[in-house]
Amino acid sequence: MYQLGLNAGVTIDYDVQTNWQPVDSHRVMLWAMKFGKAEEYMEHLSSGHFQRKKSASHHSSILAAAARAGLPEDGVRVLLEGDELKKEVWSSYGSTIREKGIHAIPLFIFNGPHSQDGPFRSGSKGEAVIINGSGDTETFKAVFVKLLKAARARGSTQKL
């Protein structure tokens, strides 16, 4: 990830406080959707977190990102002081874990030409290869080798 960031002209700094479940950040993201500003807000929050060590878990960082996205500061403050959207965020976390089987990010899902399953597909053909969290070069190489062998065993004629 670090090298990919550099290739894109972004220096990523992972030495910043994180919370496993940044509920308030997500609450503001949901609220920002009402204004069509969710993506812009998240872009500012992420760049502050990964490039300027402004933790996405701190209210000061959330407020700064919201301001940069053009969200009304008073509205964000009221949201953060109350409970609005907390239930929705916790429900989403629960769904992500229980229904989708996602326990870490990044999440990589590899489907071969005969695979129709995984958390975002429904079907029983094949078996998706899922990597929850980061992986090294050997891990990803093993995934591609597994999918290639499975495709060859099924006599796939698709170009791989």
C-alpha atoms as a PDB file:
ATOM      1  CA  MET A   1       0.000   0.000   0.000  1.00  0.00           C
ATOM      2  CA  TYR A   2       2.810   2.373   0.901  1.00  0.00           C
ATOM      3  CA  GLN A   3       4.528   1.891  -2.470  1.00  0.00           C
ATOM      4  CA  LEU A   4       1.246   2.183  -4.359  1.00  0.00           C
ATOM      5  CA  GLY A   5       0.645   5.471  -2.584  1.00  0.00           C
ATOM      6  CA  LEU A   6       4.064   6.737  -3.594  1.00  0.00           C
ATOM      7  CA  ASN A   7       3.372   5.696  -7.189  1.00  0.00           C
ATOM      8  CA  ALA A   8       0.257   7.899  -7.031  1.00  0.00           C
ATOM      9  CA  GLY A   9       2.151  10.797  -5.450  1.00  0.00           C
ATOM     10  CA  VAL A  10       0.802  10.171  -1.937  1.00  0.00           C
ATOM     11  CA  THR A  11       2.970   9.459   1.085  1.00  0.00           C
ATOM     12  CA  ILE A  12       1.024   7.291   3.523  1.00  0.00           C
ATOM     13  CA  ASP A  13       1.902   7.495   7.211  1.00  0.00           C
ATOM     14  CA  TYR A  14       0.486   4.660   9.313  1.00  0.00           C
ATOM     15  CA  ASP A  15       1.785   6.060  12.616  1.00  0.00           C
ATOM     16  CA  VAL A  16      -1.541   7.538  13.726  1.00  0.00           C
ATOM     17  CA  GLN A  17      -4.091   6.511  16.346  1.00  0.00           C
ATOM     18  CA  THR A  18      -6.917   4.383  15.002  1.00  0.00           C
ATOM     19  CA  ASN A  19     -10.071   2.940  16.492  1.00  0.00           C
ATOM     20  CA  TRP A  20     -11.304  -0.440  15.347  1.00  0.00           C
ATOM     21  CA  GLN A  21     -14.792   1.001  14.944  1.00  0.00           C
ATOM     22  CA  PRO A  22     -14.722   4.757  14.281  1.00  0.00           C
ATOM     23  CA  VAL A  23     -18.442   5.191  14.896  1.00  0.00           C
ATOM     24  CA  ASP A  24     -18.449   8.988  14.925  1.00  0.00           C
ATOM     25  CA  SER A  25     -16.560   9.208  11.620  1.00  0.00           C
ATOM     26  CA  HIS A  26     -19.121   6.916  10.048  1.00  0.00           C
ATOM     27  CA  ARG A  27     -22.052   8.764  11.581  1.00  0.00           C
ATOM     28  CA  VAL A  28     -20.869  11.973   9.971  1.00  0.00           C
ATOM     29  CA  MET A  29     -20.368  10.153   6.655  1.00  0.00           C
ATOM     30  CA  LEU A  30     -23.985   8.951   6.732  1.00  0.00           C
ATOM     31  CA  TRP A  31     -25.153  12.435   7.681  1.00  0.00           C
ATOM     32  CA  ALA A  32     -23.039  13.962   4.876  1.00  0.00           C
ATOM     33  CA  MET A  33     -24.944  11.814   2.371  1.00  0.00           C
ATOM     34  CA  LYS A  34     -27.965  14.068   2.935  1.00  0.00           C
ATOM     35  CA  PHE A  35     -25.937  16.887   1.396  1.00  0.00           C
ATOM     36  CA  GLY A  36     -24.271  14.827  -1.345  1.00  0.00           C
ATOM     37  CA  LYS A  37     -20.941  15.359   0.445  1.00  0.00           C
ATOM     38  CA  ALA A  38     -20.104  11.884   1.816  1.00  0.00           C
ATOM     39  CA  GLU A  39     -17.323  11.092  -0.654  1.00  0.00           C
ATOM     40  CA  GLU A  40     -15.762  14.525  -0.336  1.00  0.00           C
ATOM     41  CA  TYR A  41     -15.912  14.291   3.471  1.00  0.00           C
ATOM     42  CA  MET A  42     -14.307  10.825   3.449  1.00  0.00           C
ATOM     43  CA  GLU A  43     -11.587  12.003   1.070  1.00  0.00           C
ATOM     44  CA  HIS A  44     -10.643  14.818   3.456  1.00  0.00           C
ATOM     45  CA  LEU A  45     -10.905  12.547   6.512  1.00  0.00           C
ATOM     46  CA  SER A  46      -8.721   9.857   4.900  1.00  0.00           C
ATOM     47  CA  SER A  47      -6.077  12.252   3.626  1.00  0.00           C
ATOM     48  CA  GLY A  48      -5.888  13.891   7.054  1.00  0.00           C
ATOM     49  CA  HIS A  49      -5.593  10.497   8.734  1.00  0.00           C
ATOM     50  CA  PHE A  50      -3.021   8.875   6.437  1.00  0.00           C
ATOM     51  CA  GLN A  51      -1.026  11.902   5.313  1.00  0.00           C
ATOM     52  CA  ARG A  52      -1.135  14.386   8.193  1.00  0.00           C
ATOM     53  CA  LYS A  53      -1.555  12.137  11.279  1.00  0.00           C
ATOM     54  CA  LYS A  54      -4.984  13.600  12.063  1.00  0.00           C
ATOM     55  CA  SER A  55      -6.759  10.560  13.464  1.00  0.00           C
ATOM     56  CA  ALA A  56     -10.122   9.840  11.849  1.00  0.00           C
ATOM     57  CA  SER A  57     -11.297   8.935  15.354  1.00  0.00           C
ATOM     58  CA  HIS A  58     -10.829  12.409  16.842  1.00  0.00           C
ATOM     59  CA  HIS A  59     -13.660  14.918  16.762  1.00  0.00           C
ATOM     60  CA  SER A  60     -11.260  17.697  15.770  1.00  0.00           C
ATOM     61  CA  SER A  61     -10.264  15.730  12.652  1.00  0.00           C
ATOM     62  CA  ILE A  62     -13.877  14.901  11.840  1.00  0.00           C
ATOM     63  CA  LEU A  63     -14.871  18.559  12.169  1.00  0.00           C
ATOM     64  CA  ALA A  64     -11.960  19.709   9.993  1.00  0.00           C
ATOM     65  CA  ALA A  65     -12.777  17.175   7.259  1.00  0.00           C
ATOM     66  CA  ALA A  66     -16.448  18.123   7.391  1.00  0.00           C
ATOM     67  CA  ALA A  67     -15.579  21.808   7.074  1.00  0.00           C
ATOM     68  CA  ARG A  68     -13.326  21.128   4.071  1.00  0.00           C
ATOM     69  CA  ALA A  69     -16.211  19.223   2.477  1.00  0.00           C
ATOM     70  CA  GLY A  70     -18.494  22.231   3.013  1.00  0.00           C
ATOM     71  CA  LEU A  71     -20.723  20.664   5.664  1.00  0.00           C
ATOM     72  CA  PRO A  72     -22.338  22.990   8.220  1.00  0.00           C
ATOM     73  CA  GLU A  73     -20.138  23.002  11.340  1.00  0.00           C
ATOM     74  CA  ASP A  74     -23.030  23.529  13.749  1.00  0.00           C
ATOM     75  CA  GLY A  75     -24.844  20.516  12.326  1.00  0.00           C
ATOM     76  CA  VAL A  76     -21.771  18.301  12.648  1.00  0.00           C
ATOM     77  CA  ARG A  77     -21.228  19.416  16.252  1.00  0.00           C
ATOM     78  CA  VAL A  78     -24.855  18.678  17.170  1.00  0.00           C
ATOM     79  CA  LEU A  79     -24.573  15.253  15.533  1.00  0.00           C
ATOM     80  CA  LEU A  80     -21.371  14.406  17.424  1.00  0.00           C
ATOM     81  CA  GLU A  81     -22.864  15.486  20.752  1.00  0.00           C
ATOM     82  CA  GLY A  82     -25.941  13.295  20.322  1.00  0.00           C
ATOM     83  CA  ASP A  83     -26.842   9.727  19.401  1.00  0.00           C
ATOM     84  CA  GLU A  84     -28.239  10.276  15.903  1.00  0.00           C
ATOM     85  CA  LEU A  85     -27.193   7.529  13.452  1.00  0.00           C
ATOM     86  CA  LYS A  86     -25.331   5.462  16.088  1.00  0.00           C
ATOM     87  CA  LYS A  87     -27.813   2.627  15.810  1.00  0.00           C
ATOM     88  CA  GLU A  88     -27.482   2.622  12.009  1.00  0.00           C
ATOM     89  CA  VAL A  89     -23.684   2.509  12.155  1.00  0.00           C
ATOM     90  CA  TRP A  90     -23.604  -0.346  14.685  1.00  0.00           C
ATOM     91  CA  SER A  91     -26.195  -2.224  12.637  1.00  0.00           C
ATOM     92  CA  SER A  92     -24.013  -1.807   9.544  1.00  0.00           C
ATOM     93  CA  TYR A  93     -20.945  -3.088  11.413  1.00  0.00           C
ATOM     94  CA  GLY A  94     -22.915  -6.124  12.583  1.00  0.00           C
ATOM     95  CA  SER A  95     -24.196  -6.842   9.082  1.00  0.00           C
ATOM     96  CA  THR A  96     -20.720  -6.513   7.628  1.00  0.00           C
ATOM     97  CA  ILE A  97     -19.351  -9.065  10.093  1.00  0.00           C
ATOM     98  CA  ARG A  98     -22.260 -11.539  10.334  1.00  0.00           C
ATOM     99  CA  GLU A  99     -23.775 -11.431   6.858  1.00  0.00           C
ATOM    100  CA  LYS A 100     -20.759 -10.631   4.709  1.00  0.00           C
ATOM    101  CA  GLY A 101     -18.053 -12.306   6.810  1.00  0.00           C
ATOM    102  CA  ILE A 102     -15.823  -9.242   6.618  1.00  0.00           C
ATOM    103  CA  HIS A 103     -13.613  -8.956   9.681  1.00  0.00           C
ATOM    104  CA  ALA A 104     -10.750  -6.751   8.476  1.00  0.00           C
ATOM    105  CA  ILE A 105      -9.806  -4.286   5.793  1.00  0.00           C
ATOM    106  CA  PRO A 106      -8.581  -4.318   3.203  1.00  0.00           C
ATOM    107  CA  LEU A 107     -10.729  -7.189   1.966  1.00  0.00           C
ATOM    108  CA  PHE A 108      -9.722  -9.048  -1.176  1.00  0.00           C
ATOM    109  CA  ILE A 109     -12.122 -11.454  -2.873  1.00  0.00           C
ATOM    110  CA  PHE A 110     -10.874 -13.480  -5.825  1.00  0.00           C
ATOM    111  CA  ASN A 111     -13.304 -15.342  -8.018  1.00  0.00           C
ATOM    112  CA  GLY A 112     -12.168 -17.588 -10.857  1.00  0.00           C
ATOM    113  CA  PRO A 113     -14.178 -18.203 -14.014  1.00  0.00           C
ATOM    114  CA  HIS A 114     -16.251 -20.885 -12.262  1.00  0.00           C
ATOM    115  CA  SER A 115     -16.738 -19.199  -8.924  1.00  0.00           C
ATOM    116  CA  GLN A 116     -20.065 -17.600  -8.136  1.00  0.00           C
ATOM    117  CA  ASP A 117     -19.806 -17.244  -4.379  1.00  0.00           C
ATOM    118  CA  GLY A 118     -18.364 -14.826  -1.877  1.00  0.00           C
ATOM    119  CA  PRO A 119     -19.937 -12.160   0.324  1.00  0.00           C
ATOM    120  CA  PHE A 120     -21.191 -10.078  -2.612  1.00  0.00           C
ATOM    121  CA  ARG A 121     -22.406 -12.891  -4.838  1.00  0.00           C
ATOM    122  CA  SER A 122     -24.916 -15.624  -4.336  1.00  0.00           C
ATOM    123  CA  GLY A 123     -24.403 -19.050  -5.765  1.00  0.00           C
ATOM    124  CA  SER A 124     -22.735 -22.316  -5.025  1.00  0.00           C
ATOM    125  CA  LYS A 125     -20.407 -22.839  -7.980  1.00  0.00           C
ATOM    126  CA  GLY A 126     -16.736 -22.777  -7.089  1.00  0.00           C
ATOM    127  CA  GLU A 127     -15.191 -21.208  -4.067  1.00  0.00           C
ATOM    128  CA  ALA A 128     -14.052 -17.619  -3.767  1.00  0.00           C
ATOM    129  CA  VAL A 129     -10.665 -17.052  -2.182  1.00  0.00           C
ATOM    130  CA  ILE A 130     -10.960 -14.377   0.493  1.00  0.00           C
ATOM    131  CA  ILE A 131      -8.128 -12.551   2.228  1.00  0.00           C
ATOM    132  CA  ASN A 132      -9.309 -10.559   5.238  1.00  0.00           C
ATOM    133  CA  GLY A 133      -6.679  -7.930   5.939  1.00  0.00           C
ATOM    134  CA  SER A 134      -3.307  -7.398   4.328  1.00  0.00           C
ATOM    135  CA  GLY A 135      -1.318 -10.109   2.648  1.00  0.00           C
ATOM    136  CA  ASP A 136       2.211 -10.484   1.407  1.00  0.00           C
ATOM    137  CA  THR A 137       3.460 -11.357  -2.080  1.00  0.00           C
ATOM    138  CA  GLU A 138       3.499 -15.088  -1.392  1.00  0.00           C
ATOM    139  CA  THR A 139      -0.092 -15.030  -0.145  1.00  0.00           C
ATOM    140  CA  PHE A 140      -1.338 -13.394  -3.327  1.00  0.00           C
ATOM    141  CA  LYS A 141       0.804 -15.610  -5.535  1.00  0.00           C
ATOM    142  CA  ALA A 142      -0.746 -18.661  -3.854  1.00  0.00           C
ATOM    143  CA  VAL A 143      -4.236 -17.293  -4.589  1.00  0.00           C
ATOM    144  CA  PHE A 144      -3.507 -16.856  -8.287  1.00  0.00           C
ATOM    145  CA  VAL A 145      -1.886 -20.285  -8.533  1.00  0.00           C
ATOM    146  CA  LYS A 146      -4.933 -21.861  -6.829  1.00  0.00           C
ATOM    147  CA  LEU A 147      -7.372 -20.136  -9.187  1.00  0.00           C
ATOM    148  CA  LEU A 148      -5.289 -21.022 -12.235  1.00  0.00           C
ATOM    149  CA  LYS A 149      -5.118 -24.700 -11.199  1.00  0.00           C
ATOM    150  CA  ALA A 150      -8.869 -24.771 -10.553  1.00  0.00           C
ATOM    151  CA  ALA A 151      -9.573 -23.244 -13.969  1.00  0.00           C
ATOM    152  CA  ARG A 152      -7.261 -25.677 -15.715  1.00  0.00           C
ATOM    153  CA  ALA A 153      -8.786 -28.630 -13.848  1.00  0.00           C
ATOM    154  CA  ARG A 154     -12.209 -27.581 -15.134  1.00  0.00           C
ATOM    155  CA  GLY A 155     -10.848 -27.198 -18.664  1.00  0.00           C
ATOM    156  CA  SER A 156     -11.566 -23.497 -18.793  1.00  0.00           C
ATOM    157  CA  THR A 157     -11.035 -22.013 -22.219  1.00  0.00           C
ATOM    158  CA  GLN A 158     -11.051 -18.438 -20.982  1.00  0.00           C
ATOM    159  CA  LYS A 159      -7.788 -16.531 -21.209  1.00  0.00           C
ATOM    160  CA  LEU A 160      -6.205 -16.229 -17.785  1.00  0.00           C
END
